[in-house]
Amino acid sequence: MSTIKRYEDIEAWRRGRQLTAAIYPATSSQAFSRDRALCDQMRRAAVSIVSNVAEGFNRNGAAEFR
């Protein structure tokens, strides 16, 4: 088993980036133009994934990272 040296190497972080990249164009469509609150919530949730993984990794504690 290899040691993860950067949070960018974590599969959950990579998938979170892909999700974020997909959410932004999807929420820019006209269907979301009427509901700005839902659009903002979906974008914040997607960004939260990568942010939480990076934050947990940078705490340098195995228990918190898990």
N, C-alpha and C. Protein backbone atom coordinates (compact mmCIF):
# COMPACT_ATOMS: atom_id res chain seq x y z
N MET A 1 0.85 -1.18 0.00
CA MET A 1 0.00 0.00 0.00
C MET A 1 0.89 1.24 0.00
N SER A 2 0.59 2.16 -0.87
CA SER A 2 1.41 3.36 -0.96
C SER A 2 0.92 4.43 0.01
N THR A 3 1.82 5.32 0.36
CA THR A 3 1.50 6.42 1.25
C THR A 3 1.06 7.61 0.41
N ILE A 4 0.01 8.25 0.85
CA ILE A 4 -0.49 9.43 0.14
C ILE A 4 0.31 10.63 0.62
N LYS A 5 0.93 11.32 -0.32
CA LYS A 5 1.77 12.46 0.03
C LYS A 5 1.06 13.79 -0.15
N ARG A 6 0.07 13.82 -1.04
CA ARG A 6 -0.67 15.05 -1.32
C ARG A 6 -2.16 14.73 -1.34
N TYR A 7 -2.98 15.68 -0.93
CA TYR A 7 -4.42 15.43 -0.96
C TYR A 7 -4.94 15.30 -2.38
N GLU A 8 -4.21 15.82 -3.35
CA GLU A 8 -4.61 15.68 -4.75
C GLU A 8 -4.55 14.23 -5.22
N ASP A 9 -3.83 13.38 -4.49
CA ASP A 9 -3.71 11.97 -4.84
C ASP A 9 -4.88 11.13 -4.34
N ILE A 10 -5.73 11.70 -3.52
CA ILE A 10 -6.85 10.98 -2.94
C ILE A 10 -7.99 10.91 -3.96
N GLU A 11 -8.51 9.70 -4.16
CA GLU A 11 -9.56 9.49 -5.15
C GLU A 11 -10.80 10.33 -4.85
N ALA A 12 -11.18 10.45 -3.60
CA ALA A 12 -12.36 11.25 -3.24
C ALA A 12 -12.17 12.71 -3.63
N TRP A 13 -10.96 13.23 -3.48
CA TRP A 13 -10.69 14.62 -3.85
C TRP A 13 -10.80 14.78 -5.37
N ARG A 14 -10.24 13.83 -6.11
CA ARG A 14 -10.31 13.90 -7.58
C ARG A 14 -11.74 13.81 -8.09
N ARG A 15 -12.52 12.94 -7.49
CA ARG A 15 -13.92 12.83 -7.90
C ARG A 15 -14.71 14.07 -7.49
N GLY A 16 -14.36 14.64 -6.36
CA GLY A 16 -15.00 15.89 -5.95
C GLY A 16 -14.72 17.01 -6.92
N ARG A 17 -13.50 17.06 -7.42
CA ARG A 17 -13.15 18.06 -8.44
C ARG A 17 -13.96 17.85 -9.71
N GLN A 18 -14.12 16.60 -10.11
CA GLN A 18 -14.92 16.30 -11.30
C GLN A 18 -16.37 16.70 -11.09
N LEU A 19 -16.89 16.41 -9.91
CA LEU A 19 -18.27 16.78 -9.60
C LEU A 19 -18.43 18.30 -9.62
N THR A 20 -17.51 19.01 -9.02
CA THR A 20 -17.57 20.47 -9.01
C THR A 20 -17.53 21.01 -10.43
N ALA A 21 -16.65 20.44 -11.25
CA ALA A 21 -16.55 20.89 -12.64
C ALA A 21 -17.84 20.62 -13.42
N ALA A 22 -18.58 19.60 -13.04
CA ALA A 22 -19.85 19.30 -13.70
C ALA A 22 -21.00 20.14 -13.15
N ILE A 23 -20.95 20.44 -11.86
CA ILE A 23 -22.04 21.19 -11.21
C ILE A 23 -22.11 22.62 -11.71
N TYR A 24 -20.97 23.28 -11.86
CA TYR A 24 -21.00 24.69 -12.25
C TYR A 24 -21.70 24.93 -13.59
N PRO A 25 -21.36 24.22 -14.67
CA PRO A 25 -22.10 24.44 -15.91
C PRO A 25 -23.57 24.02 -15.81
N ALA A 26 -23.83 22.94 -15.08
CA ALA A 26 -25.21 22.47 -14.95
C ALA A 26 -26.08 23.51 -14.24
N THR A 27 -25.52 24.16 -13.23
CA THR A 27 -26.30 25.15 -12.49
C THR A 27 -26.31 26.51 -13.18
N SER A 28 -25.58 26.64 -14.25
CA SER A 28 -25.61 27.88 -15.02
C SER A 28 -26.72 27.87 -16.07
N SER A 29 -27.39 26.75 -16.19
CA SER A 29 -28.46 26.62 -17.19
C SER A 29 -29.66 27.48 -16.80
N GLN A 30 -30.52 27.68 -17.75
CA GLN A 30 -31.69 28.51 -17.53
C GLN A 30 -32.64 27.91 -16.50
N ALA A 31 -32.63 26.60 -16.37
CA ALA A 31 -33.50 25.94 -15.39
C ALA A 31 -33.20 26.41 -13.96
N PHE A 32 -31.96 26.76 -13.69
CA PHE A 32 -31.58 27.21 -12.35
C PHE A 32 -31.68 28.73 -12.18
N SER A 33 -31.95 29.44 -13.24
CA SER A 33 -31.96 30.90 -13.14
C SER A 33 -33.07 31.42 -12.24
N ARG A 34 -34.12 30.63 -12.07
CA ARG A 34 -35.23 31.05 -11.22
C ARG A 34 -34.99 30.74 -9.74
N ASP A 35 -34.09 29.83 -9.45
CA ASP A 35 -33.86 29.42 -8.06
C ASP A 35 -32.38 29.59 -7.69
N ARG A 36 -32.00 30.81 -7.43
CA ARG A 36 -30.60 31.13 -7.11
C ARG A 36 -30.14 30.44 -5.83
N ALA A 37 -31.05 30.30 -4.87
CA ALA A 37 -30.68 29.67 -3.60
C ALA A 37 -30.28 28.21 -3.81
N LEU A 38 -31.03 27.48 -4.61
CA LEU A 38 -30.70 26.09 -4.90
C LEU A 38 -29.38 26.00 -5.66
N CYS A 39 -29.19 26.87 -6.62
CA CYS A 39 -27.95 26.91 -7.39
C CYS A 39 -26.76 27.14 -6.47
N ASP A 40 -26.85 28.13 -5.60
CA ASP A 40 -25.76 28.43 -4.67
C ASP A 40 -25.50 27.27 -3.72
N GLN A 41 -26.57 26.64 -3.23
CA GLN A 41 -26.42 25.52 -2.30
C GLN A 41 -25.72 24.34 -2.98
N MET A 42 -26.08 24.04 -4.20
CA MET A 42 -25.45 22.93 -4.92
C MET A 42 -23.97 23.20 -5.18
N ARG A 43 -23.66 24.44 -5.53
CA ARG A 43 -22.26 24.80 -5.77
C ARG A 43 -21.44 24.73 -4.48
N ARG A 44 -22.00 25.25 -3.40
CA ARG A 44 -21.28 25.21 -2.12
C ARG A 44 -21.06 23.76 -1.66
N ALA A 45 -22.05 22.90 -1.86
CA ALA A 45 -21.92 21.50 -1.46
C ALA A 45 -20.82 20.81 -2.26
N ALA A 46 -20.74 21.08 -3.54
CA ALA A 46 -19.71 20.46 -4.38
C ALA A 46 -18.32 20.93 -3.96
N VAL A 47 -18.17 22.21 -3.71
CA VAL A 47 -16.88 22.75 -3.30
C VAL A 47 -16.50 22.24 -1.91
N SER A 48 -17.50 22.01 -1.08
CA SER A 48 -17.27 21.53 0.28
C SER A 48 -16.55 20.18 0.29
N ILE A 49 -16.82 19.33 -0.68
CA ILE A 49 -16.19 18.01 -0.74
C ILE A 49 -14.68 18.15 -0.81
N VAL A 50 -14.20 18.89 -1.80
CA VAL A 50 -12.75 19.03 -1.97
C VAL A 50 -12.13 19.81 -0.82
N SER A 51 -12.86 20.78 -0.31
CA SER A 51 -12.34 21.57 0.81
C SER A 51 -12.17 20.71 2.06
N ASN A 52 -13.15 19.86 2.36
CA ASN A 52 -13.07 19.02 3.55
C ASN A 52 -11.97 17.98 3.44
N VAL A 53 -11.78 17.42 2.27
CA VAL A 53 -10.71 16.44 2.09
C VAL A 53 -9.36 17.12 2.30
N ALA A 54 -9.17 18.28 1.68
CA ALA A 54 -7.90 18.99 1.81
C ALA A 54 -7.66 19.42 3.25
N GLU A 55 -8.69 19.90 3.91
CA GLU A 55 -8.54 20.34 5.31
C GLU A 55 -8.19 19.15 6.20
N GLY A 56 -8.86 18.03 6.03
CA GLY A 56 -8.55 16.85 6.83
C GLY A 56 -7.14 16.36 6.59
N PHE A 57 -6.70 16.40 5.36
CA PHE A 57 -5.35 15.96 5.04
C PHE A 57 -4.30 16.86 5.69
N ASN A 58 -4.54 18.15 5.67
CA ASN A 58 -3.55 19.11 6.18
C ASN A 58 -3.50 19.17 7.71
N ARG A 59 -4.41 18.50 8.39
CA ARG A 59 -4.37 18.49 9.85
C ARG A 59 -3.30 17.53 10.37
N ASN A 60 -2.79 16.68 9.51
CA ASN A 60 -1.72 15.75 9.84
C ASN A 60 -2.05 14.79 10.98
N GLY A 61 -3.31 14.53 11.20
CA GLY A 61 -3.70 13.56 12.20
C GLY A 61 -4.43 12.42 11.55
N ALA A 62 -3.98 11.22 11.76
CA ALA A 62 -4.57 10.07 11.09
C ALA A 62 -6.04 9.89 11.48
N ALA A 63 -6.36 10.10 12.74
CA ALA A 63 -7.75 9.90 13.20
C ALA A 63 -8.69 10.89 12.52
N GLU A 64 -8.30 12.14 12.46
CA GLU A 64 -9.14 13.15 11.83
C GLU A 64 -9.23 12.94 10.33
N PHE A 65 -8.15 12.51 9.73
CA PHE A 65 -8.14 12.31 8.28
C PHE A 65 -9.10 11.20 7.88
N ARG A 66 -9.15 10.15 8.65
CA ARG A 66 -10.06 9.04 8.35
C ARG A 66 -11.47 9.53 8.41
